[in-house]
Amino acid sequence: FVVALSVFDCGGRGLHGMFDLKGSTRGRKAKEGESVKKDLDWVAAHAKVLLPVALKRKVNGAVEGDARFLASQGVLDYSLLLGVHDCHTHLQGTLC
């Protein structure tokens, strides 16, 4: 059993969204009132993550390495918790 602090250091700016992404759409929609959205919510929002090529390679490498490790341990469940801060809005986030 592991207890961890929030992985999101918002620096006082706040988050505008949080997504638990598994790469599957089966049953992957947040229920009414849930603050953490899921894969179908991401698709419905037409959301994208734009990264410079070098950073994209690092992130992909980390995710692939994690997936290989978890598969080697017989762990079948994997998701990416993604926090979103919209730099183009002047509104403070409400999730952090």
PDB file of N, CA and C in Angstrom:
ATOM      1  N   PHE A   1       0.853  -1.189   0.000  1.00  0.00           N
ATOM      2  CA  PHE A   1       0.000   0.000   0.000  1.00  0.00           C
ATOM      3  C   PHE A   1       0.887   1.235   0.000  1.00  0.00           C
ATOM      4  N   VAL A   2       0.637   2.168  -0.923  1.00  0.00           N
ATOM      5  CA  VAL A   2       1.457   3.367  -1.058  1.00  0.00           C
ATOM      6  C   VAL A   2       0.571   4.594  -0.914  1.00  0.00           C
ATOM      7  N   VAL A   3       1.027   5.551  -0.128  1.00  0.00           N
ATOM      8  CA  VAL A   3       0.368   6.844  -0.031  1.00  0.00           C
ATOM      9  C   VAL A   3       1.340   7.875  -0.561  1.00  0.00           C
ATOM     10  N   ALA A   4       0.897   8.689  -1.497  1.00  0.00           N
ATOM     11  CA  ALA A   4       1.779   9.675  -2.114  1.00  0.00           C
ATOM     12  C   ALA A   4       1.129  11.054  -2.074  1.00  0.00           C
ATOM     13  N   LEU A   5       1.970  12.062  -2.078  1.00  0.00           N
ATOM     14  CA  LEU A   5       1.481  13.425  -2.207  1.00  0.00           C
ATOM     15  C   LEU A   5       1.085  13.665  -3.654  1.00  0.00           C
ATOM     16  N   SER A   6       0.407  14.760  -3.908  1.00  0.00           N
ATOM     17  CA  SER A   6       0.026  15.101  -5.275  1.00  0.00           C
ATOM     18  C   SER A   6       1.263  15.183  -6.157  1.00  0.00           C
ATOM     19  N   VAL A   7       1.162  14.621  -7.333  1.00  0.00           N
ATOM     20  CA  VAL A   7       2.277  14.681  -8.281  1.00  0.00           C
ATOM     21  C   VAL A   7       2.287  16.002  -9.040  1.00  0.00           C
ATOM     22  N   PHE A   8       1.265  16.811  -8.833  1.00  0.00           N
ATOM     23  CA  PHE A   8       1.160  18.065  -9.560  1.00  0.00           C
ATOM     24  C   PHE A   8       1.572  19.238  -8.682  1.00  0.00           C
ATOM     25  N   ASP A   9       2.730  19.817  -8.983  1.00  0.00           N
ATOM     26  CA  ASP A   9       3.164  21.047  -8.327  1.00  0.00           C
ATOM     27  C   ASP A   9       2.699  22.183  -9.216  1.00  0.00           C
ATOM     28  N   CYS A  10       1.594  22.783  -8.845  1.00  0.00           N
ATOM     29  CA  CYS A  10       0.962  23.779  -9.701  1.00  0.00           C
ATOM     30  C   CYS A  10       1.571  25.168  -9.571  1.00  0.00           C
ATOM     31  N   GLY A  11       2.450  25.349  -8.636  1.00  0.00           N
ATOM     32  CA  GLY A  11       3.065  26.654  -8.474  1.00  0.00           C
ATOM     33  C   GLY A  11       2.051  27.766  -8.277  1.00  0.00           C
ATOM     34  N   GLY A  12       0.907  27.445  -7.692  1.00  0.00           N
ATOM     35  CA  GLY A  12      -0.121  28.458  -7.441  1.00  0.00           C
ATOM     36  C   GLY A  12      -0.980  28.781  -8.647  1.00  0.00           C
ATOM     37  N   ARG A  13      -0.684  28.191  -9.811  1.00  0.00           N
ATOM     38  CA  ARG A  13      -1.445  28.502 -11.021  1.00  0.00           C
ATOM     39  C   ARG A  13      -2.714  27.678 -11.144  1.00  0.00           C
ATOM     40  N   GLY A  14      -2.716  26.513 -10.581  1.00  0.00           N
ATOM     41  CA  GLY A  14      -3.906  25.663 -10.643  1.00  0.00           C
ATOM     42  C   GLY A  14      -3.993  24.850 -11.920  1.00  0.00           C
ATOM     43  N   LEU A  15      -4.788  23.803 -11.849  1.00  0.00           N
ATOM     44  CA  LEU A  15      -5.040  22.958 -13.011  1.00  0.00           C
ATOM     45  C   LEU A  15      -6.431  23.248 -13.553  1.00  0.00           C
ATOM     46  N   HIS A  16      -6.550  23.180 -14.862  1.00  0.00           N
ATOM     47  CA  HIS A  16      -7.845  23.377 -15.504  1.00  0.00           C
ATOM     48  C   HIS A  16      -8.491  22.038 -15.861  1.00  0.00           C
ATOM     49  N   GLY A  17      -7.759  20.965 -15.739  1.00  0.00           N
ATOM     50  CA  GLY A  17      -8.313  19.646 -16.023  1.00  0.00           C
ATOM     51  C   GLY A  17      -7.356  18.557 -15.594  1.00  0.00           C
ATOM     52  N   MET A  18      -7.904  17.379 -15.334  1.00  0.00           N
ATOM     53  CA  MET A  18      -7.086  16.229 -14.988  1.00  0.00           C
ATOM     54  C   MET A  18      -7.719  15.015 -15.663  1.00  0.00           C
ATOM     55  N   PHE A  19      -6.877  14.206 -16.299  1.00  0.00           N
ATOM     56  CA  PHE A  19      -7.347  13.058 -17.053  1.00  0.00           C
ATOM     57  C   PHE A  19      -6.591  11.801 -16.637  1.00  0.00           C
ATOM     58  N   ASP A  20      -7.321  10.715 -16.466  1.00  0.00           N
ATOM     59  CA  ASP A  20      -6.769   9.391 -16.212  1.00  0.00           C
ATOM     60  C   ASP A  20      -6.914   8.622 -17.526  1.00  0.00           C
ATOM     61  N   LEU A  21      -5.825   8.537 -18.299  1.00  0.00           N
ATOM     62  CA  LEU A  21      -5.874   7.979 -19.651  1.00  0.00           C
ATOM     63  C   LEU A  21      -5.283   6.578 -19.693  1.00  0.00           C
ATOM     64  N   LYS A  22      -6.045   5.642 -20.258  1.00  0.00           N
ATOM     65  CA  LYS A  22      -5.609   4.252 -20.364  1.00  0.00           C
ATOM     66  C   LYS A  22      -5.400   3.817 -21.809  1.00  0.00           C
ATOM     67  N   GLY A  23      -5.841   4.615 -22.769  1.00  0.00           N
ATOM     68  CA  GLY A  23      -5.729   4.204 -24.160  1.00  0.00           C
ATOM     69  C   GLY A  23      -6.863   3.287 -24.581  1.00  0.00           C
ATOM     70  N   SER A  24      -7.936   3.277 -23.819  1.00  0.00           N
ATOM     71  CA  SER A  24      -9.119   2.467 -24.113  1.00  0.00           C
ATOM     72  C   SER A  24     -10.339   3.355 -23.960  1.00  0.00           C
ATOM     73  N   THR A  25     -11.382   3.050 -24.716  1.00  0.00           N
ATOM     74  CA  THR A  25     -12.608   3.835 -24.576  1.00  0.00           C
ATOM     75  C   THR A  25     -13.732   3.042 -23.906  1.00  0.00           C
ATOM     76  N   ARG A  26     -13.524   1.775 -23.678  1.00  0.00           N
ATOM     77  CA  ARG A  26     -14.574   0.946 -23.074  1.00  0.00           C
ATOM     78  C   ARG A  26     -14.804   1.355 -21.612  1.00  0.00           C
ATOM     79  N   GLY A  27     -15.956   1.933 -21.359  1.00  0.00           N
ATOM     80  CA  GLY A  27     -16.309   2.361 -20.007  1.00  0.00           C
ATOM     81  C   GLY A  27     -15.446   3.498 -19.483  1.00  0.00           C
ATOM     82  N   ARG A  28     -14.823   4.239 -20.375  1.00  0.00           N
ATOM     83  CA  ARG A  28     -13.841   5.252 -19.967  1.00  0.00           C
ATOM     84  C   ARG A  28     -14.406   6.667 -20.094  1.00  0.00           C
ATOM     85  N   LYS A  29     -15.528   6.920 -19.427  1.00  0.00           N
ATOM     86  CA  LYS A  29     -16.109   8.258 -19.346  1.00  0.00           C
ATOM     87  C   LYS A  29     -16.337   8.562 -17.876  1.00  0.00           C
ATOM     88  N   ALA A  30     -15.955   9.762 -17.466  1.00  0.00           N
ATOM     89  CA  ALA A  30     -16.132  10.146 -16.067  1.00  0.00           C
ATOM     90  C   ALA A  30     -17.615  10.232 -15.726  1.00  0.00           C
ATOM     91  N   LYS A  31     -17.925   9.855 -14.513  1.00  0.00           N
ATOM     92  CA  LYS A  31     -19.297   9.971 -14.026  1.00  0.00           C
ATOM     93  C   LYS A  31     -19.575  11.422 -13.655  1.00  0.00           C
ATOM     94  N   GLU A  32     -20.828  11.763 -13.616  1.00  0.00           N
ATOM     95  CA  GLU A  32     -21.259  13.113 -13.233  1.00  0.00           C
ATOM     96  C   GLU A  32     -20.603  13.515 -11.918  1.00  0.00           C
ATOM     97  N   GLY A  33     -19.974  14.673 -11.877  1.00  0.00           N
ATOM     98  CA  GLY A  33     -19.366  15.194 -10.663  1.00  0.00           C
ATOM     99  C   GLY A  33     -17.929  14.776 -10.417  1.00  0.00           C
ATOM    100  N   GLU A  34     -17.406  13.821 -11.178  1.00  0.00           N
ATOM    101  CA  GLU A  34     -16.009  13.408 -11.006  1.00  0.00           C
ATOM    102  C   GLU A  34     -15.080  14.473 -11.589  1.00  0.00           C
ATOM    103  N   SER A  35     -14.065  14.860 -10.833  1.00  0.00           N
ATOM    104  CA  SER A  35     -13.151  15.894 -11.316  1.00  0.00           C
ATOM    105  C   SER A  35     -12.083  15.332 -12.244  1.00  0.00           C
ATOM    106  N   VAL A  36     -11.761  14.059 -12.104  1.00  0.00           N
ATOM    107  CA  VAL A  36     -10.775  13.434 -12.991  1.00  0.00           C
ATOM    108  C   VAL A  36     -11.522  12.806 -14.151  1.00  0.00           C
ATOM    109  N   LYS A  37     -11.245  13.314 -15.336  1.00  0.00           N
ATOM    110  CA  LYS A  37     -11.908  12.837 -16.544  1.00  0.00           C
ATOM    111  C   LYS A  37     -11.159  11.630 -17.111  1.00  0.00           C
ATOM    112  N   LYS A  38     -11.764  10.970 -18.102  1.00  0.00           N
ATOM    113  CA  LYS A  38     -11.194   9.745 -18.653  1.00  0.00           C
ATOM    114  C   LYS A  38     -11.074   9.842 -20.170  1.00  0.00           C
ATOM    115  N   ASP A  39     -10.717   8.749 -20.791  1.00  0.00           N
ATOM    116  CA  ASP A  39     -10.389   8.728 -22.216  1.00  0.00           C
ATOM    117  C   ASP A  39     -11.482   9.313 -23.118  1.00  0.00           C
ATOM    118  N   LEU A  40     -12.730   8.923 -22.915  1.00  0.00           N
ATOM    119  CA  LEU A  40     -13.799   9.444 -23.769  1.00  0.00           C
ATOM    120  C   LEU A  40     -14.012  10.939 -23.563  1.00  0.00           C
ATOM    121  N   ASP A  41     -13.755  11.428 -22.358  1.00  0.00           N
ATOM    122  CA  ASP A  41     -13.845  12.863 -22.089  1.00  0.00           C
ATOM    123  C   ASP A  41     -12.733  13.608 -22.838  1.00  0.00           C
ATOM    124  N   TRP A  42     -11.550  12.992 -22.888  1.00  0.00           N
ATOM    125  CA  TRP A  42     -10.408  13.561 -23.621  1.00  0.00           C
ATOM    126  C   TRP A  42     -10.762  13.675 -25.105  1.00  0.00           C
ATOM    127  N   VAL A  43     -11.335  12.599 -25.665  1.00  0.00           N
ATOM    128  CA  VAL A  43     -11.716  12.581 -27.077  1.00  0.00           C
ATOM    129  C   VAL A  43     -12.781  13.641 -27.343  1.00  0.00           C
ATOM    130  N   ALA A  44     -13.784  13.717 -26.480  1.00  0.00           N
ATOM    131  CA  ALA A  44     -14.877  14.680 -26.658  1.00  0.00           C
ATOM    132  C   ALA A  44     -14.375  16.120 -26.594  1.00  0.00           C
ATOM    133  N   ALA A  45     -13.331  16.356 -25.819  1.00  0.00           N
ATOM    134  CA  ALA A  45     -12.770  17.710 -25.684  1.00  0.00           C
ATOM    135  C   ALA A  45     -11.815  18.050 -26.832  1.00  0.00           C
ATOM    136  N   HIS A  46     -11.579  17.090 -27.731  1.00  0.00           N
ATOM    137  CA  HIS A  46     -10.617  17.273 -28.832  1.00  0.00           C
ATOM    138  C   HIS A  46      -9.265  17.725 -28.286  1.00  0.00           C
ATOM    139  N   ALA A  47      -8.885  17.146 -27.165  1.00  0.00           N
ATOM    140  CA  ALA A  47      -7.660  17.547 -26.472  1.00  0.00           C
ATOM    141  C   ALA A  47      -6.426  16.953 -27.155  1.00  0.00           C
ATOM    142  N   LYS A  48      -5.329  17.686 -27.063  1.00  0.00           N
ATOM    143  CA  LYS A  48      -4.050  17.248 -27.616  1.00  0.00           C
ATOM    144  C   LYS A  48      -2.940  17.697 -26.683  1.00  0.00           C
ATOM    145  N   VAL A  49      -1.843  16.976 -26.716  1.00  0.00           N
ATOM    146  CA  VAL A  49      -0.638  17.387 -26.008  1.00  0.00           C
ATOM    147  C   VAL A  49       0.402  17.668 -27.081  1.00  0.00           C
ATOM    148  N   LEU A  50       0.838  18.905 -27.142  1.00  0.00           N
ATOM    149  CA  LEU A  50       1.846  19.294 -28.123  1.00  0.00           C
ATOM    150  C   LEU A  50       3.182  19.449 -27.413  1.00  0.00           C
ATOM    151  N   LEU A  51       4.143  18.630 -27.802  1.00  0.00           N
ATOM    152  CA  LEU A  51       5.469  18.648 -27.181  1.00  0.00           C
ATOM    153  C   LEU A  51       6.538  18.816 -28.248  1.00  0.00           C
ATOM    154  N   PRO A  52       7.637  19.465 -27.895  1.00  0.00           N
ATOM    155  CA  PRO A  52       8.777  19.475 -28.813  1.00  0.00           C
ATOM    156  C   PRO A  52       9.233  18.030 -29.059  1.00  0.00           C
ATOM    157  N   VAL A  53       9.786  17.776 -30.237  1.00  0.00           N
ATOM    158  CA  VAL A  53      10.147  16.417 -30.643  1.00  0.00           C
ATOM    159  C   VAL A  53      11.031  15.712 -29.610  1.00  0.00           C
ATOM    160  N   ALA A  54      12.041  16.380 -29.096  1.00  0.00           N
ATOM    161  CA  ALA A  54      12.957  15.748 -28.137  1.00  0.00           C
ATOM    162  C   ALA A  54      12.224  15.351 -26.857  1.00  0.00           C
ATOM    163  N   LEU A  55      11.352  16.202 -26.368  1.00  0.00           N
ATOM    164  CA  LEU A  55      10.593  15.890 -25.157  1.00  0.00           C
ATOM    165  C   LEU A  55       9.589  14.775 -25.427  1.00  0.00           C
ATOM    166  N   LYS A  56       8.978  14.787 -26.604  1.00  0.00           N
ATOM    167  CA  LYS A  56       8.042  13.725 -26.977  1.00  0.00           C
ATOM    168  C   LYS A  56       8.741  12.367 -26.954  1.00  0.00           C
ATOM    169  N   ARG A  57       9.967  12.314 -27.455  1.00  0.00           N
ATOM    170  CA  ARG A  57      10.729  11.056 -27.438  1.00  0.00           C
ATOM    171  C   ARG A  57      11.003  10.595 -26.012  1.00  0.00           C
ATOM    172  N   LYS A  58      11.349  11.534 -25.133  1.00  0.00           N
ATOM    173  CA  LYS A  58      11.614  11.180 -23.735  1.00  0.00           C
ATOM    174  C   LYS A  58      10.363  10.640 -23.047  1.00  0.00           C
ATOM    175  N   VAL A  59       9.241  11.319 -23.256  1.00  0.00           N
ATOM    176  CA  VAL A  59       7.986  10.895 -22.636  1.00  0.00           C
ATOM    177  C   VAL A  59       7.583   9.522 -23.172  1.00  0.00           C
ATOM    178  N   ASN A  60       7.627   9.355 -24.492  1.00  0.00           N
ATOM    179  CA  ASN A  60       7.283   8.052 -25.082  1.00  0.00           C
ATOM    180  C   ASN A  60       8.197   6.958 -24.555  1.00  0.00           C
ATOM    181  N   GLY A  61       9.482   7.242 -24.437  1.00  0.00           N
ATOM    182  CA  GLY A  61      10.429   6.260 -23.913  1.00  0.00           C
ATOM    183  C   GLY A  61      10.110   5.871 -22.484  1.00  0.00           C
ATOM    184  N   ALA A  62       9.751   6.848 -21.670  1.00  0.00           N
ATOM    185  CA  ALA A  62       9.406   6.571 -20.271  1.00  0.00           C
ATOM    186  C   ALA A  62       8.143   5.722 -20.175  1.00  0.00           C
ATOM    187  N   VAL A  63       7.130   6.056 -20.959  1.00  0.00           N
ATOM    188  CA  VAL A  63       5.878   5.296 -20.941  1.00  0.00           C
ATOM    189  C   VAL A  63       6.119   3.866 -21.436  1.00  0.00           C
ATOM    190  N   GLU A  64       6.877   3.732 -22.515  1.00  0.00           N
ATOM    191  CA  GLU A  64       7.168   2.389 -23.037  1.00  0.00           C
ATOM    192  C   GLU A  64       7.969   1.570 -22.028  1.00  0.00           C
ATOM    193  N   GLY A  65       8.938   2.194 -21.370  1.00  0.00           N
ATOM    194  CA  GLY A  65       9.719   1.503 -20.346  1.00  0.00           C
ATOM    195  C   GLY A  65       8.857   1.067 -19.176  1.00  0.00           C
ATOM    196  N   ASP A  66       7.966   1.949 -18.733  1.00  0.00           N
ATOM    197  CA  ASP A  66       7.040   1.610 -17.648  1.00  0.00           C
ATOM    198  C   ASP A  66       6.158   0.428 -18.051  1.00  0.00           C
ATOM    199  N   ALA A  67       5.632   0.477 -19.268  1.00  0.00           N
ATOM    200  CA  ALA A  67       4.736  -0.582 -19.738  1.00  0.00           C
ATOM    201  C   ALA A  67       5.471  -1.924 -19.808  1.00  0.00           C
ATOM    202  N   ARG A  68       6.716  -1.906 -20.297  1.00  0.00           N
ATOM    203  CA  ARG A  68       7.512  -3.142 -20.354  1.00  0.00           C
ATOM    204  C   ARG A  68       7.737  -3.704 -18.949  1.00  0.00           C
ATOM    205  N   PHE A  69       8.098  -2.828 -18.007  1.00  0.00           N
ATOM    206  CA  PHE A  69       8.326  -3.275 -16.636  1.00  0.00           C
ATOM    207  C   PHE A  69       7.060  -3.860 -16.035  1.00  0.00           C
ATOM    208  N   LEU A  70       5.946  -3.156 -16.158  1.00  0.00           N
ATOM    209  CA  LEU A  70       4.696  -3.639 -15.579  1.00  0.00           C
ATOM    210  C   LEU A  70       4.273  -4.965 -16.215  1.00  0.00           C
ATOM    211  N   ALA A  71       4.452  -5.091 -17.534  1.00  0.00           N
ATOM    212  CA  ALA A  71       4.122  -6.352 -18.205  1.00  0.00           C
ATOM    213  C   ALA A  71       4.994  -7.482 -17.672  1.00  0.00           C
ATOM    214  N   SER A  72       6.262  -7.194 -17.419  1.00  0.00           N
ATOM    215  CA  SER A  72       7.165  -8.232 -16.904  1.00  0.00           C
ATOM    216  C   SER A  72       6.771  -8.677 -15.494  1.00  0.00           C
ATOM    217  N   GLN A  73       6.039  -7.835 -14.783  1.00  0.00           N
ATOM    218  CA  GLN A  73       5.582  -8.146 -13.427  1.00  0.00           C
ATOM    219  C   GLN A  73       4.162  -8.713 -13.417  1.00  0.00           C
ATOM    220  N   GLY A  74       3.589  -8.861 -14.600  1.00  0.00           N
ATOM    221  CA  GLY A  74       2.230  -9.397 -14.697  1.00  0.00           C
ATOM    222  C   GLY A  74       1.151  -8.381 -14.361  1.00  0.00           C
ATOM    223  N   VAL A  75       1.488  -7.103 -14.403  1.00  0.00           N
ATOM    224  CA  VAL A  75       0.511  -6.052 -14.120  1.00  0.00           C
ATOM    225  C   VAL A  75      -0.139  -5.647 -15.434  1.00  0.00           C
ATOM    226  N   LEU A  76      -1.459  -5.747 -15.483  1.00  0.00           N
ATOM    227  CA  LEU A  76      -2.153  -5.471 -16.736  1.00  0.00           C
ATOM    228  C   LEU A  76      -2.770  -4.085 -16.793  1.00  0.00           C
ATOM    229  N   ASP A  77      -2.890  -3.421 -15.674  1.00  0.00           N
ATOM    230  CA  ASP A  77      -3.575  -2.136 -15.620  1.00  0.00           C
ATOM    231  C   ASP A  77      -2.551  -1.003 -15.585  1.00  0.00           C
ATOM    232  N   TYR A  78      -2.663  -0.090 -16.513  1.00  0.00           N
ATOM    233  CA  TYR A  78      -1.723   1.025 -16.602  1.00  0.00           C
ATOM    234  C   TYR A  78      -2.487   2.247 -17.071  1.00  0.00           C
ATOM    235  N   SER A  79      -2.231   3.381 -16.469  1.00  0.00           N
ATOM    236  CA  SER A  79      -2.842   4.612 -16.961  1.00  0.00           C
ATOM    237  C   SER A  79      -1.880   5.768 -16.761  1.00  0.00           C
ATOM    238  N   LEU A  80      -2.119   6.820 -17.505  1.00  0.00           N
ATOM    239  CA  LEU A  80      -1.330   8.042 -17.428  1.00  0.00           C
ATOM    240  C   LEU A  80      -2.218   9.116 -16.812  1.00  0.00           C
ATOM    241  N   LEU A  81      -1.793   9.656 -15.679  1.00  0.00           N
ATOM    242  CA  LEU A  81      -2.533  10.743 -15.058  1.00  0.00           C
ATOM    243  C   LEU A  81      -1.957  12.041 -15.600  1.00  0.00           C
ATOM    244  N   LEU A  82      -2.789  12.772 -16.311  1.00  0.00           N
ATOM    245  CA  LEU A  82      -2.346  13.970 -17.016  1.00  0.00           C
ATOM    246  C   LEU A  82      -3.062  15.193 -16.464  1.00  0.00           C
ATOM    247  N   GLY A  83      -2.286  16.155 -15.956  1.00  0.00           N
ATOM    248  CA  GLY A  83      -2.840  17.413 -15.479  1.00  0.00           C
ATOM    249  C   GLY A  83      -2.698  18.466 -16.556  1.00  0.00           C
ATOM    250  N   VAL A  84      -3.716  19.304 -16.713  1.00  0.00           N
ATOM    251  CA  VAL A  84      -3.728  20.314 -17.772  1.00  0.00           C
ATOM    252  C   VAL A  84      -3.828  21.703 -17.149  1.00  0.00           C
ATOM    253  N   HIS A  85      -2.886  22.548 -17.521  1.00  0.00           N
ATOM    254  CA  HIS A  85      -2.970  23.968 -17.187  1.00  0.00           C
ATOM    255  C   HIS A  85      -2.996  24.720 -18.496  1.00  0.00           C
ATOM    256  N   ASP A  86      -4.063  25.443 -18.747  1.00  0.00           N
ATOM    257  CA  ASP A  86      -4.231  26.184 -19.993  1.00  0.00           C
ATOM    258  C   ASP A  86      -3.561  27.542 -19.853  1.00  0.00           C
ATOM    259  N   CYS A  87      -2.417  27.697 -20.497  1.00  0.00           N
ATOM    260  CA  CYS A  87      -1.646  28.947 -20.411  1.00  0.00           C
ATOM    261  C   CYS A  87      -2.321  30.104 -21.135  1.00  0.00           C
ATOM    262  N   HIS A  88      -3.307  29.807 -21.971  1.00  0.00           N
ATOM    263  CA  HIS A  88      -3.953  30.847 -22.767  1.00  0.00           C
ATOM    264  C   HIS A  88      -5.187  31.437 -22.101  1.00  0.00           C
ATOM    265  N   THR A  89      -5.489  30.984 -20.916  1.00  0.00           N
ATOM    266  CA  THR A  89      -6.641  31.534 -20.209  1.00  0.00           C
ATOM    267  C   THR A  89      -6.159  32.308 -18.984  1.00  0.00           C
ATOM    268  N   HIS A  90      -6.914  33.301 -18.599  1.00  0.00           N
ATOM    269  CA  HIS A  90      -6.542  34.097 -17.428  1.00  0.00           C
ATOM    270  C   HIS A  90      -7.233  33.581 -16.170  1.00  0.00           C
ATOM    271  N   LEU A  91      -8.068  32.554 -16.317  1.00  0.00           N
ATOM    272  CA  LEU A  91      -8.778  32.013 -15.172  1.00  0.00           C
ATOM    273  C   LEU A  91      -7.873  31.085 -14.381  1.00  0.00           C
ATOM    274  N   GLN A  92      -7.972  31.151 -13.086  1.00  0.00           N
ATOM    275  CA  GLN A  92      -7.220  30.237 -12.238  1.00  0.00           C
ATOM    276  C   GLN A  92      -7.879  28.870 -12.282  1.00  0.00           C
ATOM    277  N   GLY A  93      -7.064  27.838 -12.240  1.00  0.00           N
ATOM    278  CA  GLY A  93      -7.596  26.475 -12.205  1.00  0.00           C
ATOM    279  C   GLY A  93      -8.293  26.201 -10.893  1.00  0.00           C
ATOM    280  N   THR A  94      -9.102  25.183 -10.905  1.00  0.00           N
ATOM    281  CA  THR A  94      -9.876  24.872  -9.704  1.00  0.00           C
ATOM    282  C   THR A  94      -9.503  23.511  -9.109  1.00  0.00           C
ATOM    283  N   LEU A  95      -8.556  22.797  -9.718  1.00  0.00           N
ATOM    284  CA  LEU A  95      -8.282  21.447  -9.273  1.00  0.00           C
ATOM    285  C   LEU A  95      -7.043  21.331  -8.394  1.00  0.00           C
ATOM    286  N   CYS A  96      -6.303  22.394  -8.248  1.00  0.00           N
ATOM    287  CA  CYS A  96      -5.028  22.275  -7.523  1.00  0.00           C
ATOM    288  C   CYS A  96      -4.886  23.407  -6.540  1.00  0.00           C
TER     289      CYS A  96
END
